[in-house]
């Protein structure tokens, strides 16, 4: 599979899309090697009429418009952690500029260690006019098996 490609598994289709970030891997002996081109994925679940865009560690970039136009995601999973991914400001821009018709936004890749300074509170503030009731309160599901998803707002 490569960027632009789709695999049909029968119950779902998985499409590989462009992402914008660095990519490296640390080998067993401690060397840093190039990890290849960064990508995201769109998972289409036809029987549920849902399309999930997982942006990975991406930064906001103008081709998100193409992802939105071609795949029309209903759920987006976007990082807000900052430093190694986009932060709350950039993620809110992506929501407002490219993904304003989604049903749900799942913020991710934040709050797991001190270098990630982006917070859910900063993300909510930066969203402006974007409907806050579309944002899943991911801190309530983070790192606890008994936690449940709840809508912010």
C-alpha atoms as a PDB file:
ATOM      1  CA  UNK A   1       0.000   0.000   0.000  1.00  0.00           C
ATOM      2  CA  UNK A   2       1.100   3.542  -0.649  1.00  0.00           C
ATOM      3  CA  UNK A   3      -0.295   7.052  -0.435  1.00  0.00           C
ATOM      4  CA  UNK A   4      -3.459   7.279  -2.489  1.00  0.00           C
ATOM      5  CA  UNK A   5      -4.040   3.539  -2.331  1.00  0.00           C
ATOM      6  CA  UNK A   6      -6.994   1.721  -0.808  1.00  0.00           C
ATOM      7  CA  UNK A   7      -7.348  -1.863   0.389  1.00  0.00           C
ATOM      8  CA  UNK A   8     -10.849  -3.354   0.577  1.00  0.00           C
ATOM      9  CA  UNK A   9     -11.211  -5.854   3.415  1.00  0.00           C
ATOM     10  CA  UNK A  10     -14.885  -6.503   2.704  1.00  0.00           C
ATOM     11  CA  UNK A  11     -16.170  -5.071   5.984  1.00  0.00           C
ATOM     12  CA  UNK A  12     -14.123  -1.871   5.595  1.00  0.00           C
ATOM     13  CA  UNK A  13     -11.766  -0.077   3.236  1.00  0.00           C
ATOM     14  CA  UNK A  14      -8.492   1.490   4.380  1.00  0.00           C
ATOM     15  CA  UNK A  15      -7.009   4.355   2.364  1.00  0.00           C
ATOM     16  CA  UNK A  16      -3.521   5.716   2.918  1.00  0.00           C
ATOM     17  CA  UNK A  17      -3.275   9.520   2.800  1.00  0.00           C
ATOM     18  CA  UNK A  18      -0.517  12.091   3.080  1.00  0.00           C
ATOM     19  CA  UNK A  19       0.638  13.456   6.434  1.00  0.00           C
ATOM     20  CA  UNK A  20       3.121  16.202   7.255  1.00  0.00           C
ATOM     21  CA  UNK A  21       5.733  15.354   9.888  1.00  0.00           C
ATOM     22  CA  UNK A  22       9.165  13.837  10.321  1.00  0.00           C
ATOM     23  CA  UNK A  23       9.580  10.117  10.692  1.00  0.00           C
ATOM     24  CA  UNK A  24      12.373   8.160  12.325  1.00  0.00           C
ATOM     25  CA  UNK A  25      12.991   4.914  14.158  1.00  0.00           C
ATOM     26  CA  UNK A  26      15.566   4.091  16.825  1.00  0.00           C
ATOM     27  CA  UNK A  27      17.340   0.814  16.137  1.00  0.00           C
ATOM     28  CA  UNK A  28      18.201  -1.753  18.811  1.00  0.00           C
ATOM     29  CA  UNK A  29      21.757  -0.359  18.967  1.00  0.00           C
ATOM     30  CA  UNK A  30      20.527   3.224  19.428  1.00  0.00           C
ATOM     31  CA  UNK A  31      20.984   4.598  15.927  1.00  0.00           C
ATOM     32  CA  UNK A  32      18.298   6.826  14.452  1.00  0.00           C
ATOM     33  CA  UNK A  33      17.139   5.767  11.010  1.00  0.00           C
ATOM     34  CA  UNK A  34      14.695   7.378   8.602  1.00  0.00           C
ATOM     35  CA  UNK A  35      11.231   5.936   9.133  1.00  0.00           C
ATOM     36  CA  UNK A  36       9.933   6.632   5.637  1.00  0.00           C
ATOM     37  CA  UNK A  37       7.241   8.991   4.430  1.00  0.00           C
ATOM     38  CA  UNK A  38       4.639   9.950   7.030  1.00  0.00           C
ATOM     39  CA  UNK A  39       1.061   8.959   6.323  1.00  0.00           C
ATOM     40  CA  UNK A  40      -2.405   8.999   7.763  1.00  0.00           C
ATOM     41  CA  UNK A  41      -5.313   6.676   7.101  1.00  0.00           C
ATOM     42  CA  UNK A  42      -9.001   6.879   6.311  1.00  0.00           C
ATOM     43  CA  UNK A  43     -11.023   3.862   7.394  1.00  0.00           C
ATOM     44  CA  UNK A  44     -14.384   3.559   5.638  1.00  0.00           C
ATOM     45  CA  UNK A  45     -17.083   1.489   7.339  1.00  0.00           C
ATOM     46  CA  UNK A  46     -19.858   1.330   4.729  1.00  0.00           C
ATOM     47  CA  UNK A  47     -22.305  -0.632   6.895  1.00  0.00           C
ATOM     48  CA  UNK A  48     -22.143   2.173   9.495  1.00  0.00           C
ATOM     49  CA  UNK A  49     -21.893   5.017   6.972  1.00  0.00           C
ATOM     50  CA  UNK A  50     -18.766   6.229   8.804  1.00  0.00           C
ATOM     51  CA  UNK A  51     -15.373   7.379   7.570  1.00  0.00           C
ATOM     52  CA  UNK A  52     -12.615   7.811  10.155  1.00  0.00           C
ATOM     53  CA  UNK A  53      -9.564   9.959   9.382  1.00  0.00           C
ATOM     54  CA  UNK A  54      -6.544   9.213  11.591  1.00  0.00           C
ATOM     55  CA  UNK A  55      -3.969  11.949  11.066  1.00  0.00           C
ATOM     56  CA  UNK A  56      -1.154  10.267  12.989  1.00  0.00           C
ATOM     57  CA  UNK A  57       1.465  12.783  14.147  1.00  0.00           C
ATOM     58  CA  UNK A  58       0.676  15.263  11.381  1.00  0.00           C
ATOM     59  CA  UNK A  59       0.867  19.004  11.347  1.00  0.00           C
ATOM     60  CA  UNK A  60      -1.938  20.953   9.703  1.00  0.00           C
ATOM     61  CA  UNK A  61      -1.367  21.205   5.935  1.00  0.00           C
ATOM     62  CA  UNK A  62      -3.390  22.412   2.971  1.00  0.00           C
ATOM     63  CA  UNK A  63      -3.883  18.926   1.484  1.00  0.00           C
ATOM     64  CA  UNK A  64      -6.250  18.207   4.376  1.00  0.00           C
ATOM     65  CA  UNK A  65      -8.780  19.859   2.071  1.00  0.00           C
ATOM     66  CA  UNK A  66      -8.176  17.068  -0.454  1.00  0.00           C
ATOM     67  CA  UNK A  67      -8.590  14.418   2.266  1.00  0.00           C
ATOM     68  CA  UNK A  68     -11.840  16.081   3.306  1.00  0.00           C
ATOM     69  CA  UNK A  69     -13.114  16.437  -0.267  1.00  0.00           C
ATOM     70  CA  UNK A  70     -12.236  12.901  -1.398  1.00  0.00           C
ATOM     71  CA  UNK A  71     -13.060  10.944   1.755  1.00  0.00           C
ATOM     72  CA  UNK A  72     -15.629  13.167   3.535  1.00  0.00           C
ATOM     73  CA  UNK A  73     -14.659  11.917   7.011  1.00  0.00           C
ATOM     74  CA  UNK A  74     -17.375  11.728   9.641  1.00  0.00           C
ATOM     75  CA  UNK A  75     -14.889  11.237  12.492  1.00  0.00           C
ATOM     76  CA  UNK A  76     -11.416  12.755  12.681  1.00  0.00           C
ATOM     77  CA  UNK A  77      -8.617  11.815  15.044  1.00  0.00           C
ATOM     78  CA  UNK A  78      -6.101  14.649  15.210  1.00  0.00           C
ATOM     79  CA  UNK A  79      -3.117  15.352  17.446  1.00  0.00           C
ATOM     80  CA  UNK A  80      -3.075  18.399  19.725  1.00  0.00           C
ATOM     81  CA  UNK A  81       0.080  17.723  21.779  1.00  0.00           C
ATOM     82  CA  UNK A  82       2.400  20.294  20.175  1.00  0.00           C
ATOM     83  CA  UNK A  83       6.200  19.974  19.898  1.00  0.00           C
ATOM     84  CA  UNK A  84       6.162  16.620  18.014  1.00  0.00           C
ATOM     85  CA  UNK A  85       2.731  17.098  16.407  1.00  0.00           C
ATOM     86  CA  UNK A  86       0.470  20.026  15.697  1.00  0.00           C
ATOM     87  CA  UNK A  87      -0.764  21.869  18.750  1.00  0.00           C
ATOM     88  CA  UNK A  88      -4.225  23.049  19.782  1.00  0.00           C
ATOM     89  CA  UNK A  89      -4.077  26.171  17.583  1.00  0.00           C
ATOM     90  CA  UNK A  90      -3.186  24.243  14.430  1.00  0.00           C
ATOM     91  CA  UNK A  91      -5.676  21.452  15.198  1.00  0.00           C
ATOM     92  CA  UNK A  92      -8.476  23.965  15.688  1.00  0.00           C
ATOM     93  CA  UNK A  93      -7.519  25.564  12.371  1.00  0.00           C
ATOM     94  CA  UNK A  94      -7.765  22.146  10.680  1.00  0.00           C
ATOM     95  CA  UNK A  95     -11.205  21.564  12.219  1.00  0.00           C
ATOM     96  CA  UNK A  96     -12.534  24.963  11.161  1.00  0.00           C
ATOM     97  CA  UNK A  97     -10.890  25.160   7.735  1.00  0.00           C
ATOM     98  CA  UNK A  98     -10.996  21.581   6.446  1.00  0.00           C
ATOM     99  CA  UNK A  99     -13.189  19.385   8.644  1.00  0.00           C
ATOM    100  CA  UNK A 100     -16.080  21.588   9.754  1.00  0.00           C
ATOM    101  CA  UNK A 101     -18.705  19.040   8.627  1.00  0.00           C
ATOM    102  CA  UNK A 102     -17.502  16.094  10.716  1.00  0.00           C
ATOM    103  CA  UNK A 103     -19.722  14.425  13.305  1.00  0.00           C
ATOM    104  CA  UNK A 104     -16.960  13.869  15.886  1.00  0.00           C
ATOM    105  CA  UNK A 105     -13.447  15.129  16.640  1.00  0.00           C
ATOM    106  CA  UNK A 106     -11.161  12.912  18.714  1.00  0.00           C
ATOM    107  CA  UNK A 107      -8.124  14.867  20.011  1.00  0.00           C
ATOM    108  CA  UNK A 108      -5.103  12.629  20.541  1.00  0.00           C
ATOM    109  CA  UNK A 109      -1.353  12.521  21.187  1.00  0.00           C
ATOM    110  CA  UNK A 110      -1.305  14.900  24.141  1.00  0.00           C
ATOM    111  CA  UNK A 111      -0.797  14.802  27.887  1.00  0.00           C
ATOM    112  CA  UNK A 112       1.236  11.598  27.964  1.00  0.00           C
ATOM    113  CA  UNK A 113       4.570  13.172  28.971  1.00  0.00           C
ATOM    114  CA  UNK A 114       5.736  16.690  29.939  1.00  0.00           C
ATOM    115  CA  UNK A 115       7.157  17.729  26.553  1.00  0.00           C
ATOM    116  CA  UNK A 116       3.655  17.587  25.061  1.00  0.00           C
ATOM    117  CA  UNK A 117       2.264  20.939  26.167  1.00  0.00           C
ATOM    118  CA  UNK A 118      -1.002  21.001  24.193  1.00  0.00           C
ATOM    119  CA  UNK A 119      -4.085  20.549  26.363  1.00  0.00           C
ATOM    120  CA  UNK A 120      -7.760  19.817  25.835  1.00  0.00           C
ATOM    121  CA  UNK A 121      -8.564  23.175  27.450  1.00  0.00           C
ATOM    122  CA  UNK A 122      -6.332  25.051  24.986  1.00  0.00           C
ATOM    123  CA  UNK A 123      -7.865  23.102  22.104  1.00  0.00           C
ATOM    124  CA  UNK A 124     -11.423  23.946  23.205  1.00  0.00           C
ATOM    125  CA  UNK A 125     -10.509  27.642  23.558  1.00  0.00           C
ATOM    126  CA  UNK A 126      -8.861  27.730  20.136  1.00  0.00           C
ATOM    127  CA  UNK A 127     -11.862  26.151  18.387  1.00  0.00           C
ATOM    128  CA  UNK A 128     -13.750  29.441  18.296  1.00  0.00           C
ATOM    129  CA  UNK A 129     -17.075  28.926  16.509  1.00  0.00           C
ATOM    130  CA  UNK A 130     -16.513  25.216  15.853  1.00  0.00           C
ATOM    131  CA  UNK A 131     -19.301  23.267  17.616  1.00  0.00           C
ATOM    132  CA  UNK A 132     -17.745  22.092  20.871  1.00  0.00           C
ATOM    133  CA  UNK A 133     -20.355  19.330  21.204  1.00  0.00           C
ATOM    134  CA  UNK A 134     -18.591  17.478  18.378  1.00  0.00           C
ATOM    135  CA  UNK A 135     -15.400  17.044  20.458  1.00  0.00           C
ATOM    136  CA  UNK A 136     -14.863  13.798  22.356  1.00  0.00           C
ATOM    137  CA  UNK A 137     -13.384  14.386  25.813  1.00  0.00           C
ATOM    138  CA  UNK A 138     -10.411  12.085  25.314  1.00  0.00           C
ATOM    139  CA  UNK A 139      -8.829  12.737  28.738  1.00  0.00           C
ATOM    140  CA  UNK A 140     -11.756  10.786  30.174  1.00  0.00           C
ATOM    141  CA  UNK A 141     -10.707   7.700  28.189  1.00  0.00           C
ATOM    142  CA  UNK A 142      -6.949   8.046  28.478  1.00  0.00           C
ATOM    143  CA  UNK A 143      -4.963   5.301  30.184  1.00  0.00           C
ATOM    144  CA  UNK A 144      -7.851   3.782  32.134  1.00  0.00           C
ATOM    145  CA  UNK A 145      -9.682   0.669  30.968  1.00  0.00           C
ATOM    146  CA  UNK A 146     -12.846   1.589  32.870  1.00  0.00           C
ATOM    147  CA  UNK A 147     -13.131   5.115  31.425  1.00  0.00           C
ATOM    148  CA  UNK A 148     -15.884   5.896  28.953  1.00  0.00           C
ATOM    149  CA  UNK A 149     -16.140   8.431  26.168  1.00  0.00           C
ATOM    150  CA  UNK A 150     -18.135  11.537  26.867  1.00  0.00           C
ATOM    151  CA  UNK A 151     -18.956  14.566  24.794  1.00  0.00           C
ATOM    152  CA  UNK A 152     -17.424  17.899  25.812  1.00  0.00           C
ATOM    153  CA  UNK A 153     -19.824  20.788  26.271  1.00  0.00           C
END
